[in-house]
PDB file of N, CA and C in Angstrom:
ATOM      1  N   UNK A   1      90.961 102.371 138.781  1.00  0.00           N
ATOM      2  CA  UNK A   1      90.576 101.669 139.318  1.00  0.00           C
ATOM      3  C   UNK A   1      91.325 100.936 140.763  1.00  0.00           C
ATOM      4  N   UNK A   2      92.780 101.915 140.853  1.00  0.00           N
ATOM      5  CA  UNK A   2      93.681 101.370 141.823  1.00  0.00           C
ATOM      6  C   UNK A   2      93.485 102.601 142.533  1.00  0.00           C
ATOM      7  N   UNK A   3      92.935 104.161 142.090  1.00  0.00           N
ATOM      8  CA  UNK A   3      92.446 105.188 143.326  1.00  0.00           C
ATOM      9  C   UNK A   3      91.062 104.861 144.314  1.00  0.00           C
ATOM     10  N   UNK A   4      90.384 104.141 143.381  1.00  0.00           N
ATOM     11  CA  UNK A   4      89.315 104.019 143.538  1.00  0.00           C
ATOM     12  C   UNK A   4      89.341 103.149 145.234  1.00  0.00           C
ATOM     13  N   UNK A   5      90.093 102.053 144.610  1.00  0.00           N
ATOM     14  CA  UNK A   5      90.212 100.929 145.605  1.00  0.00           C
ATOM     15  C   UNK A   5      91.110 101.429 146.717  1.00  0.00           C
ATOM     16  N   UNK A   6      91.656 103.090 146.884  1.00  0.00           N
ATOM     17  CA  UNK A   6      92.490 103.228 147.512  1.00  0.00           C
ATOM     18  C   UNK A   6      91.401 103.694 148.449  1.00  0.00           C
ATOM     19  N   UNK A   7      90.176 104.147 148.282  1.00  0.00           N
ATOM     20  CA  UNK A   7      89.877 104.915 148.926  1.00  0.00           C
ATOM     21  C   UNK A   7      88.113 103.761 149.585  1.00  0.00           C
ATOM     22  N   UNK A   8      88.480 102.443 149.265  1.00  0.00           N
ATOM     23  CA  UNK A   8      88.121 101.724 149.966  1.00  0.00           C
ATOM     24  C   UNK A   8      88.491 100.838 151.231  1.00  0.00           C
ATOM     25  N   UNK A   9      89.599 101.510 150.895  1.00  0.00           N
ATOM     26  CA  UNK A   9      90.792 100.199 152.041  1.00  0.00           C
ATOM     27  C   UNK A   9      90.546 101.160 153.400  1.00  0.00           C
ATOM     28  N   UNK A  10      90.314 100.852 154.297  1.00  0.00           N
ATOM     29  CA  UNK A  10      90.855 101.677 155.582  1.00  0.00           C
ATOM     30  C   UNK A  10      92.668 100.996 156.190  1.00  0.00           C
ATOM     31  N   UNK A  11      92.761 102.706 157.047  1.00  0.00           N
ATOM     32  CA  UNK A  11      92.262 103.327 156.923  1.00  0.00           C
ATOM     33  C   UNK A  11      92.432 104.508 155.776  1.00  0.00           C
ATOM     34  N   UNK A  12      91.618 105.042 155.768  1.00  0.00           N
ATOM     35  CA  UNK A  12      90.214 105.812 154.909  1.00  0.00           C
ATOM     36  C   UNK A  12      91.438 107.322 154.494  1.00  0.00           C
ATOM     37  N   UNK A  13      90.959 108.075 153.288  1.00  0.00           N
ATOM     38  CA  UNK A  13      91.833 109.119 153.352  1.00  0.00           C
ATOM     39  C   UNK A  13      91.222 110.474 153.826  1.00  0.00           C
ATOM     40  N   UNK A  14      92.205 111.341 154.503  1.00  0.00           N
ATOM     41  CA  UNK A  14      91.738 112.301 155.466  1.00  0.00           C
ATOM     42  C   UNK A  14      91.883 113.240 154.694  1.00  0.00           C
ATOM     43  N   UNK A  15      92.398 113.536 153.767  1.00  0.00           N
ATOM     44  CA  UNK A  15      92.564 114.892 152.862  1.00  0.00           C
ATOM     45  C   UNK A  15      92.443 114.692 151.843  1.00  0.00           C
ATOM     46  N   UNK A  16      93.112 115.552 150.792  1.00  0.00           N
ATOM     47  CA  UNK A  16      93.013 116.208 149.430  1.00  0.00           C
ATOM     48  C   UNK A  16      93.410 117.018 149.154  1.00  0.00           C
ATOM     49  N   UNK A  17      94.364 116.471 147.652  1.00  0.00           N
ATOM     50  CA  UNK A  17      95.168 118.048 147.815  1.00  0.00           C
ATOM     51  C   UNK A  17      94.844 118.115 145.689  1.00  0.00           C
ATOM     52  N   UNK A  18      94.941 119.307 145.249  1.00  0.00           N
ATOM     53  CA  UNK A  18      94.979 119.197 144.201  1.00  0.00           C
ATOM     54  C   UNK A  18      95.957 120.169 142.717  1.00  0.00           C
ATOM     55  N   UNK A  19      96.676 120.330 143.387  1.00  0.00           N
ATOM     56  CA  UNK A  19      98.070 120.027 143.118  1.00  0.00           C
ATOM     57  C   UNK A  19      98.248 120.237 141.420  1.00  0.00           C
ATOM     58  N   UNK A  20      98.688 121.563 141.171  1.00  0.00           N
ATOM     59  CA  UNK A  20      98.723 122.024 139.379  1.00  0.00           C
ATOM     60  C   UNK A  20     100.179 121.815 138.978  1.00  0.00           C
ATOM     61  N   UNK A  21     100.637 121.293 138.516  1.00  0.00           N
ATOM     62  CA  UNK A  21     101.884 121.244 137.494  1.00  0.00           C
ATOM     63  C   UNK A  21     102.516 123.167 136.714  1.00  0.00           C
ATOM     64  N   UNK A  22     101.704 123.648 136.305  1.00  0.00           N
ATOM     65  CA  UNK A  22     102.191 125.037 136.371  1.00  0.00           C
ATOM     66  C   UNK A  22     100.325 126.003 136.798  1.00  0.00           C
ATOM     67  N   UNK A  23     101.308 127.452 136.706  1.00  0.00           N
ATOM     68  CA  UNK A  23      99.435 127.893 136.557  1.00  0.00           C
ATOM     69  C   UNK A  23      98.415 128.040 135.898  1.00  0.00           C
ATOM     70  N   UNK A  24      98.312 127.486 134.637  1.00  0.00           N
ATOM     71  CA  UNK A  24      97.283 127.255 133.985  1.00  0.00           C
ATOM     72  C   UNK A  24      96.779 125.873 133.879  1.00  0.00           C
ATOM     73  N   UNK A  25      97.496 125.722 134.389  1.00  0.00           N
ATOM     74  CA  UNK A  25      97.371 123.669 133.863  1.00  0.00           C
ATOM     75  C   UNK A  25      95.589 123.254 135.289  1.00  0.00           C
ATOM     76  N   UNK A  26      95.537 122.440 134.091  1.00  0.00           N
ATOM     77  CA  UNK A  26      94.096 121.613 135.406  1.00  0.00           C
ATOM     78  C   UNK A  26      94.894 121.327 136.478  1.00  0.00           C
ATOM     79  N   UNK A  27      93.563 121.093 137.191  1.00  0.00           N
ATOM     80  CA  UNK A  27      94.875 120.090 138.562  1.00  0.00           C
ATOM     81  C   UNK A  27      94.335 118.535 138.076  1.00  0.00           C
ATOM     82  N   UNK A  28      95.604 117.830 139.024  1.00  0.00           N
ATOM     83  CA  UNK A  28      95.552 117.042 139.445  1.00  0.00           C
ATOM     84  C   UNK A  28      94.972 116.445 140.792  1.00  0.00           C
ATOM     85  N   UNK A  29      94.578 115.174 141.144  1.00  0.00           N
ATOM     86  CA  UNK A  29      94.362 115.185 142.479  1.00  0.00           C
ATOM     87  C   UNK A  29      95.508 114.687 143.671  1.00  0.00           C
ATOM     88  N   UNK A  30      95.290 114.402 144.531  1.00  0.00           N
ATOM     89  CA  UNK A  30      96.265 113.658 145.183  1.00  0.00           C
ATOM     90  C   UNK A  30      95.188 113.333 147.272  1.00  0.00           C
ATOM     91  N   UNK A  31      95.292 112.149 147.147  1.00  0.00           N
ATOM     92  CA  UNK A  31      94.295 111.092 148.073  1.00  0.00           C
ATOM     93  C   UNK A  31      95.865 111.785 149.656  1.00  0.00           C
ATOM     94  N   UNK A  32      95.112 111.097 150.589  1.00  0.00           N
ATOM     95  CA  UNK A  32      96.560 111.146 151.992  1.00  0.00           C
ATOM     96  C   UNK A  32      95.488 110.544 152.750  1.00  0.00           C
ATOM     97  N   UNK A  33      96.145 109.693 152.890  1.00  0.00           N
ATOM     98  CA  UNK A  33      95.699 108.945 154.520  1.00  0.00           C
ATOM     99  C   UNK A  33      96.711 108.885 154.768  1.00  0.00           C
ATOM    100  N   UNK A  34      96.138 108.466 156.481  1.00  0.00           N
ATOM    101  CA  UNK A  34      97.676 108.865 157.634  1.00  0.00           C
ATOM    102  C   UNK A  34      97.474 107.306 158.243  1.00  0.00           C
ATOM    103  N   UNK A  35      98.649 105.938 158.090  1.00  0.00           N
ATOM    104  CA  UNK A  35      98.789 104.859 158.760  1.00  0.00           C
ATOM    105  C   UNK A  35      99.309 104.976 160.360  1.00  0.00           C
ATOM    106  N   UNK A  36      98.493 104.197 160.590  1.00  0.00           N
ATOM    107  CA  UNK A  36      98.609 103.683 162.581  1.00  0.00           C
ATOM    108  C   UNK A  36     100.228 104.137 162.556  1.00  0.00           C
ATOM    109  N   UNK A  37     101.174 103.928 162.238  1.00  0.00           N
ATOM    110  CA  UNK A  37     102.258 104.629 162.454  1.00  0.00           C
ATOM    111  C   UNK A  37     102.922 106.115 162.469  1.00  0.00           C
ATOM    112  N   UNK A  38     101.634 106.670 162.375  1.00  0.00           N
ATOM    113  CA  UNK A  38     101.818 108.240 161.481  1.00  0.00           C
ATOM    114  C   UNK A  38     102.098 108.566 160.079  1.00  0.00           C
ATOM    115  N   UNK A  39     102.347 107.775 159.737  1.00  0.00           N
ATOM    116  CA  UNK A  39     103.115 107.912 157.942  1.00  0.00           C
ATOM    117  C   UNK A  39     101.947 108.187 157.329  1.00  0.00           C
ATOM    118  N   UNK A  40     102.511 108.819 156.041  1.00  0.00           N
ATOM    119  CA  UNK A  40     101.142 109.281 155.338  1.00  0.00           C
ATOM    120  C   UNK A  40     101.637 108.887 153.801  1.00  0.00           C
ATOM    121  N   UNK A  41     100.231 108.385 152.829  1.00  0.00           N
ATOM    122  CA  UNK A  41     100.264 107.482 152.589  1.00  0.00           C
ATOM    123  C   UNK A  41      99.768 108.079 150.884  1.00  0.00           C
ATOM    124  N   UNK A  42     100.313 108.534 150.217  1.00  0.00           N
ATOM    125  CA  UNK A  42      99.457 109.650 149.078  1.00  0.00           C
ATOM    126  C   UNK A  42      98.949 109.096 147.798  1.00  0.00           C
ATOM    127  N   UNK A  43      98.266 109.024 147.363  1.00  0.00           N
ATOM    128  CA  UNK A  43      98.325 108.269 146.001  1.00  0.00           C
ATOM    129  C   UNK A  43      97.724 109.138 145.051  1.00  0.00           C
ATOM    130  N   UNK A  44      98.388 110.292 143.545  1.00  0.00           N
ATOM    131  CA  UNK A  44      97.558 110.167 143.420  1.00  0.00           C
ATOM    132  C   UNK A  44      97.989 110.343 141.477  1.00  0.00           C
ATOM    133  N   UNK A  45      96.372 111.157 141.086  1.00  0.00           N
ATOM    134  CA  UNK A  45      96.550 110.779 139.383  1.00  0.00           C
ATOM    135  C   UNK A  45      96.108 111.740 138.773  1.00  0.00           C
ATOM    136  N   UNK A  46      96.526 112.358 137.631  1.00  0.00           N
ATOM    137  CA  UNK A  46      96.681 113.317 136.585  1.00  0.00           C
ATOM    138  C   UNK A  46      94.754 113.980 136.492  1.00  0.00           C
ATOM    139  N   UNK A  47      95.042 114.729 135.688  1.00  0.00           N
ATOM    140  CA  UNK A  47      94.107 115.794 135.775  1.00  0.00           C
ATOM    141  C   UNK A  47      92.513 115.468 134.581  1.00  0.00           C
ATOM    142  N   UNK A  48      93.092 113.896 133.708  1.00  0.00           N
ATOM    143  CA  UNK A  48      92.401 113.535 133.583  1.00  0.00           C
ATOM    144  C   UNK A  48      91.685 112.484 134.033  1.00  0.00           C
ATOM    145  N   UNK A  49      92.078 111.536 134.598  1.00  0.00           N
ATOM    146  CA  UNK A  49      91.567 111.378 135.512  1.00  0.00           C
ATOM    147  C   UNK A  49      90.894 111.572 136.724  1.00  0.00           C
ATOM    148  N   UNK A  50      91.141 112.554 136.740  1.00  0.00           N
ATOM    149  CA  UNK A  50      90.667 112.991 138.256  1.00  0.00           C
ATOM    150  C   UNK A  50      88.653 114.076 136.824  1.00  0.00           C
ATOM    151  N   UNK A  51      89.244 114.180 136.416  1.00  0.00           N
ATOM    152  CA  UNK A  51      88.112 114.572 135.393  1.00  0.00           C
ATOM    153  C   UNK A  51      86.964 112.669 135.306  1.00  0.00           C
ATOM    154  N   UNK A  52      87.233 112.232 135.539  1.00  0.00           N
ATOM    155  CA  UNK A  52      86.889 111.483 134.949  1.00  0.00           C
ATOM    156  C   UNK A  52      86.580 110.622 136.317  1.00  0.00           C
ATOM    157  N   UNK A  53      86.530 110.508 137.138  1.00  0.00           N
ATOM    158  CA  UNK A  53      86.667 109.644 138.317  1.00  0.00           C
ATOM    159  C   UNK A  53      85.684 110.856 139.467  1.00  0.00           C
ATOM    160  N   UNK A  54      85.823 112.215 139.190  1.00  0.00           N
ATOM    161  CA  UNK A  54      85.009 112.911 140.136  1.00  0.00           C
ATOM    162  C   UNK A  54      83.553 111.927 140.547  1.00  0.00           C
ATOM    163  N   UNK A  55      82.770 111.971 139.092  1.00  0.00           N
ATOM    164  CA  UNK A  55      81.204 111.330 139.944  1.00  0.00           C
ATOM    165  C   UNK A  55      81.155 109.757 140.971  1.00  0.00           C
ATOM    166  N   UNK A  56      82.825 109.308 141.343  1.00  0.00           N
ATOM    167  CA  UNK A  56      82.621 108.374 141.999  1.00  0.00           C
ATOM    168  C   UNK A  56      82.278 109.371 143.039  1.00  0.00           C
ATOM    169  N   UNK A  57      83.133 110.038 143.451  1.00  0.00           N
ATOM    170  CA  UNK A  57      82.585 111.008 144.905  1.00  0.00           C
ATOM    171  C   UNK A  57      81.211 111.259 145.609  1.00  0.00           C
ATOM    172  N   UNK A  58      80.826 111.531 146.629  1.00  0.00           N
ATOM    173  CA  UNK A  58      80.245 112.117 146.972  1.00  0.00           C
ATOM    174  C   UNK A  58      80.546 113.592 146.989  1.00  0.00           C
ATOM    175  N   UNK A  59      79.692 114.749 147.579  1.00  0.00           N
ATOM    176  CA  UNK A  59      80.589 115.391 148.138  1.00  0.00           C
ATOM    177  C   UNK A  59      81.295 116.402 149.379  1.00  0.00           C
ATOM    178  N   UNK A  60      81.451 114.307 150.553  1.00  0.00           N
ATOM    179  CA  UNK A  60      82.144 114.704 151.657  1.00  0.00           C
ATOM    180  C   UNK A  60      83.989 113.717 151.011  1.00  0.00           C
ATOM    181  N   UNK A  61      83.499 113.332 149.380  1.00  0.00           N
ATOM    182  CA  UNK A  61      85.209 112.392 148.740  1.00  0.00           C
ATOM    183  C   UNK A  61      84.755 110.948 149.660  1.00  0.00           C
ATOM    184  N   UNK A  62      83.290 110.407 149.737  1.00  0.00           N
ATOM    185  CA  UNK A  62      83.194 109.589 149.526  1.00  0.00           C
ATOM    186  C   UNK A  62      82.944 108.549 148.359  1.00  0.00           C
ATOM    187  N   UNK A  63      83.327 107.533 148.977  1.00  0.00           N
ATOM    188  CA  UNK A  63      82.600 106.672 147.616  1.00  0.00           C
ATOM    189  C   UNK A  63      81.553 106.837 146.963  1.00  0.00           C
ATOM    190  N   UNK A  64      81.037 106.675 146.443  1.00  0.00           N
ATOM    191  CA  UNK A  64      79.315 106.176 145.883  1.00  0.00           C
ATOM    192  C   UNK A  64      78.943 105.305 145.953  1.00  0.00           C
ATOM    193  N   UNK A  65      77.218 104.592 145.603  1.00  0.00           N
ATOM    194  CA  UNK A  65      77.324 103.073 146.201  1.00  0.00           C
ATOM    195  C   UNK A  65      77.369 102.783 144.276  1.00  0.00           C
ATOM    196  N   UNK A  66      77.728 102.934 143.634  1.00  0.00           N
ATOM    197  CA  UNK A  66      77.722 103.858 141.468  1.00  0.00           C
ATOM    198  C   UNK A  66      79.863 103.438 141.616  1.00  0.00           C
ATOM    199  N   UNK A  67      80.478 103.765 142.471  1.00  0.00           N
ATOM    200  CA  UNK A  67      81.644 103.427 142.179  1.00  0.00           C
ATOM    201  C   UNK A  67      82.217 102.110 142.906  1.00  0.00           C
ATOM    202  N   UNK A  68      80.828 101.518 143.876  1.00  0.00           N
ATOM    203  CA  UNK A  68      81.081 100.669 144.547  1.00  0.00           C
ATOM    204  C   UNK A  68      81.011  99.645 144.129  1.00  0.00           C
ATOM    205  N   UNK A  69      79.708  99.449 143.863  1.00  0.00           N
ATOM    206  CA  UNK A  69      79.037  98.891 142.756  1.00  0.00           C
ATOM    207  C   UNK A  69      80.023  98.372 141.179  1.00  0.00           C
ATOM    208  N   UNK A  70      80.487  99.002 140.446  1.00  0.00           N
ATOM    209  CA  UNK A  70      81.674  99.558 139.635  1.00  0.00           C
ATOM    210  C   UNK A  70      83.096  99.283 140.204  1.00  0.00           C
ATOM    211  N   UNK A  71      83.118  98.500 141.639  1.00  0.00           N
ATOM    212  CA  UNK A  71      85.323  98.344 142.265  1.00  0.00           C
ATOM    213  C   UNK A  71      83.613  96.594 142.027  1.00  0.00           C
ATOM    214  N   UNK A  72      82.790  95.806 142.733  1.00  0.00           N
ATOM    215  CA  UNK A  72      82.714  94.984 143.069  1.00  0.00           C
ATOM    216  C   UNK A  72      82.801  93.774 141.316  1.00  0.00           C
ATOM    217  N   UNK A  73      81.595  94.671 140.086  1.00  0.00           N
ATOM    218  CA  UNK A  73      82.570  94.089 138.981  1.00  0.00           C
ATOM    219  C   UNK A  73      83.257  94.248 138.965  1.00  0.00           C
ATOM    220  N   UNK A  74      83.986  94.376 139.061  1.00  0.00           N
ATOM    221  CA  UNK A  74      85.797  94.215 138.540  1.00  0.00           C
ATOM    222  C   UNK A  74      86.458  93.265 139.865  1.00  0.00           C
ATOM    223  N   UNK A  75      85.697  92.432 140.924  1.00  0.00           N
ATOM    224  CA  UNK A  75      86.607  91.768 141.584  1.00  0.00           C
ATOM    225  C   UNK A  75      87.209  92.260 142.949  1.00  0.00           C
ATOM    226  N   UNK A  76      87.605  93.622 142.853  1.00  0.00           N
ATOM    227  CA  UNK A  76      87.822  94.631 144.201  1.00  0.00           C
ATOM    228  C   UNK A  76      87.402  93.893 145.115  1.00  0.00           C
ATOM    229  N   UNK A  77      86.060  93.972 145.367  1.00  0.00           N
ATOM    230  CA  UNK A  77      85.749  94.097 147.054  1.00  0.00           C
ATOM    231  C   UNK A  77      84.979  92.412 146.766  1.00  0.00           C
ATOM    232  N   UNK A  78      86.134  91.786 148.076  1.00  0.00           N
ATOM    233  CA  UNK A  78      85.498  90.537 148.394  1.00  0.00           C
ATOM    234  C   UNK A  78      83.574  90.402 148.632  1.00  0.00           C
TER     235      UNK A  78
END
């Protein structure tokens, strides 16, 4: 939920990275936000979580309506 919430709150992430721990390992997912002061803040999830959460993002890496509904159902959204 924290990773989805990270995408709901401004400033929104501006880039995504998919680092691999080793050559043949599945990729993790890292979202990067640039704060007002220019500092970068990142949040990373592992490969299994990446696989589970990717359906909650559209092609432009924005949260889908389903993701927003899930967050609202869990009282993350006001």
